N, C-alpha and C. Protein backbone atom coordinates (compact mmCIF):
# COMPACT_ATOMS: atom_id res chain seq x y z
N MET A 1 0.37 -0.78 0.27
CA MET A 1 -0.17 0.09 0.39
C MET A 1 0.82 1.45 0.34
N ILE A 2 1.86 1.07 1.02
CA ILE A 2 2.41 2.05 0.89
C ILE A 2 3.37 2.33 -0.80
N ALA A 3 3.77 1.78 -0.91
CA ALA A 3 4.51 2.08 -2.28
C ALA A 3 3.70 2.00 -3.65
N GLU A 4 1.98 1.71 -3.30
CA GLU A 4 1.61 1.74 -3.71
C GLU A 4 0.94 3.83 -3.90
N GLY A 5 1.41 4.20 -3.02
CA GLY A 5 0.85 5.25 -2.84
C GLY A 5 2.12 6.39 -3.09
N ARG A 6 3.20 6.01 -3.03
CA ARG A 6 5.06 6.86 -3.36
C ARG A 6 5.07 6.58 -5.60
N GLN A 7 4.43 5.61 -5.26
CA GLN A 7 3.81 5.11 -6.64
C GLN A 7 3.34 6.49 -7.90
N LYS A 8 1.69 6.54 -7.09
CA LYS A 8 1.01 8.11 -7.49
C LYS A 8 1.51 8.94 -7.58
N ILE A 9 2.48 9.48 -5.97
CA ILE A 9 2.42 10.18 -5.52
C ILE A 9 3.56 11.13 -7.59
N LEU A 10 4.53 9.80 -7.24
CA LEU A 10 5.89 9.82 -7.62
C LEU A 10 4.91 10.63 -9.43
N ALA A 11 4.13 9.71 -10.18
CA ALA A 11 4.01 10.65 -11.53
C ALA A 11 2.66 10.88 -10.44
N SER A 12 2.28 11.79 -10.34
CA SER A 12 2.04 13.32 -10.28
C SER A 12 2.38 14.26 -11.07
N GLY A 13 3.98 14.04 -10.36
CA GLY A 13 4.73 14.82 -10.98
C GLY A 13 4.72 16.74 -10.98
N LYS A 14 3.86 16.40 -8.87
CA LYS A 14 4.33 17.96 -8.36
C LYS A 14 5.26 17.22 -7.09
N PRO A 15 5.61 19.01 -6.61
CA PRO A 15 6.95 18.03 -5.58
C PRO A 15 6.63 18.14 -4.47
N LEU A 16 7.03 17.12 -3.56
CA LEU A 16 6.75 16.56 -3.01
C LEU A 16 7.89 17.48 -1.07
N PHE A 17 8.22 17.51 -0.81
CA PHE A 17 9.18 18.22 -0.16
C PHE A 17 9.80 19.16 -0.05
N GLY A 18 9.49 21.01 0.92
CA GLY A 18 10.28 21.66 0.63
C GLY A 18 10.56 22.21 2.24
N GLY A 19 11.53 23.08 2.10
CA GLY A 19 11.07 23.99 2.69
C GLY A 19 11.26 25.25 2.96
N ALA A 20 9.55 25.83 3.86
CA ALA A 20 9.84 27.26 3.62
C ALA A 20 10.13 27.91 4.69
N PRO A 21 10.88 29.57 4.19
CA PRO A 21 11.44 30.35 4.66
C PRO A 21 10.33 31.39 5.71
N ASP A 22 9.19 31.40 5.24
CA ASP A 22 8.71 32.05 5.48
C ASP A 22 7.16 32.10 5.16
N ALA A 23 6.26 32.56 6.06
CA ALA A 23 4.80 31.69 5.30
C ALA A 23 4.70 32.29 3.70
N SER A 24 4.80 33.37 3.88
CA SER A 24 4.40 32.98 2.28
C SER A 24 4.93 32.58 1.09
N THR A 25 5.62 31.68 1.08
CA THR A 25 6.75 30.99 0.59
C THR A 25 5.94 30.02 0.50
N ALA A 26 5.85 28.93 1.87
CA ALA A 26 4.82 28.22 2.18
C ALA A 26 3.33 28.43 1.61
N ARG A 27 2.69 29.15 1.64
CA ARG A 27 1.88 29.21 0.64
C ARG A 27 1.73 28.98 -1.12
N GLN A 28 2.64 29.72 -0.63
CA GLN A 28 2.39 29.35 -2.42
C GLN A 28 3.23 28.09 -3.21
N MET A 29 3.29 27.61 -1.91
CA MET A 29 4.51 25.73 -2.71
C MET A 29 3.19 25.21 -2.20
N ILE A 30 1.79 25.50 -0.66
CA ILE A 30 0.94 24.84 -1.24
C ILE A 30 -0.38 25.16 -1.72
N ASP A 31 0.33 26.54 -3.37
CA ASP A 31 -1.12 26.21 -3.90
C ASP A 31 -0.53 25.63 -5.13
N GLN A 32 1.08 24.83 -4.76
CA GLN A 32 1.39 25.28 -6.48
C GLN A 32 1.60 23.55 -5.83
N GLY A 33 0.62 22.98 -5.23
CA GLY A 33 1.24 21.14 -5.47
C GLY A 33 2.10 20.78 -3.86
N ALA A 34 2.87 21.39 -3.64
CA ALA A 34 3.89 20.77 -2.59
C ALA A 34 2.66 19.96 -2.08
N LEU A 35 3.78 18.43 -1.81
CA LEU A 35 2.48 17.06 -0.70
C LEU A 35 3.23 17.36 0.59
N LEU A 36 4.31 18.08 1.14
CA LEU A 36 4.50 17.98 2.58
C LEU A 36 5.77 19.53 2.33
N ILE A 37 6.04 19.94 3.50
CA ILE A 37 6.69 20.62 3.38
C ILE A 37 7.60 21.19 4.76
N HIS A 38 7.89 21.70 4.60
CA HIS A 38 8.91 21.56 6.72
C HIS A 38 8.91 22.59 7.30
N THR A 39 9.39 23.01 7.77
CA THR A 39 9.63 24.56 8.50
C THR A 39 10.06 24.45 9.66
N ARG A 40 10.75 25.87 10.24
CA ARG A 40 11.93 26.38 11.12
C ARG A 40 11.32 26.31 11.42
N VAL A 41 10.17 26.49 12.78
CA VAL A 41 9.40 27.39 13.52
C VAL A 41 10.60 28.89 13.57
N THR A 42 11.24 28.23 14.57
CA THR A 42 11.78 29.86 14.32
C THR A 42 13.00 30.41 13.95
N GLU A 43 12.81 29.75 12.71
CA GLU A 43 13.81 31.17 10.95
C GLU A 43 12.38 31.53 10.68
N MET A 44 11.06 31.06 10.70
CA MET A 44 10.14 31.60 10.05
C MET A 44 9.85 33.21 11.61
N TRP A 45 10.21 33.17 12.88
CA TRP A 45 9.66 34.03 13.36
C TRP A 45 10.67 34.75 13.52
N GLY A 46 11.91 34.65 13.17
CA GLY A 46 12.43 35.03 12.98
C GLY A 46 12.91 36.36 12.09
N ASN A 47 11.86 35.38 10.76
CA ASN A 47 12.16 36.73 9.52
C ASN A 47 11.01 37.19 9.89
N ILE A 48 9.83 36.97 10.44
CA ILE A 48 9.62 38.18 10.52
C ILE A 48 9.84 39.33 11.41
N THR A 49 10.57 39.07 12.50
CA THR A 49 10.39 39.73 13.12
C THR A 49 11.80 40.96 12.75
N LYS A 50 13.14 40.52 11.50
CA LYS A 50 13.43 41.43 11.05
C LYS A 50 13.00 41.57 10.03
N ASN A 51 11.48 41.54 9.25
CA ASN A 51 11.27 42.72 8.75
C ASN A 51 10.37 43.88 9.25
N TYR A 52 9.82 43.52 10.33
CA TYR A 52 8.97 44.08 11.24
C TYR A 52 9.68 44.96 11.82
N LEU A 53 10.83 45.21 12.46
CA LEU A 53 11.41 45.84 12.45
C LEU A 53 11.89 47.03 11.84
N ARG A 54 12.36 45.87 9.76
CA ARG A 54 12.87 47.27 9.15
C ARG A 54 12.13 48.20 8.73
N GLU A 55 10.96 47.55 9.11
CA GLU A 55 9.02 48.53 8.78
C GLU A 55 9.06 50.37 9.88
N ILE A 56 9.60 49.26 11.09
CA ILE A 56 9.25 50.66 12.33
C ILE A 56 10.57 51.66 12.12
N TYR A 57 11.77 50.84 12.03
CA TYR A 57 13.19 51.37 11.50
C TYR A 57 13.79 52.14 10.71
N GLY A 58 12.74 50.99 8.81
CA GLY A 58 13.68 51.60 8.22
C GLY A 58 14.59 50.64 7.68
N ASP A 59 15.59 51.26 6.52
CA ASP A 59 16.32 49.87 5.64
C ASP A 59 17.85 50.84 6.40
N THR A 60 18.40 50.23 7.44
CA THR A 60 19.21 50.92 8.60
C THR A 60 20.63 49.89 7.85
N THR A 61 21.07 50.77 8.04
CA THR A 61 22.25 50.01 7.88
C THR A 61 22.85 49.13 8.99
N THR A 62 22.11 48.85 10.54
CA THR A 62 21.90 47.71 11.73
C THR A 62 21.75 46.18 10.34
N ASP A 63 22.45 45.45 10.90
CA ASP A 63 22.79 43.87 10.80
C ASP A 63 21.57 43.44 11.94
N LEU A 64 20.77 43.69 11.29
CA LEU A 64 19.27 42.64 11.99
C LEU A 64 19.21 40.66 12.00
N ASP A 65 20.63 40.02 11.16
CA ASP A 65 21.16 39.28 10.88
C ASP A 65 21.09 37.55 12.50
N TYR A 66 21.33 38.79 13.78
CA TYR A 66 21.69 38.20 14.80
C TYR A 66 20.45 37.42 15.42
N LEU A 67 19.25 37.99 14.42
CA LEU A 67 17.61 37.27 15.09
C LEU A 67 17.31 35.29 14.79
């Protein structure tokens, strides 16, 4: 049964697995038919925080990559 399911998935031609660095990318992957998406929650929230700080303080020369 598992082997049959795997063959059907492979035959569909859709992406089976992918990593999403943020929520919008995850949504795009779902819309494109990804069947399994992994995320690193800490990375996702770090990116959200960096984007928020950039909106608040503008595009500064401060390196926010430590988040």
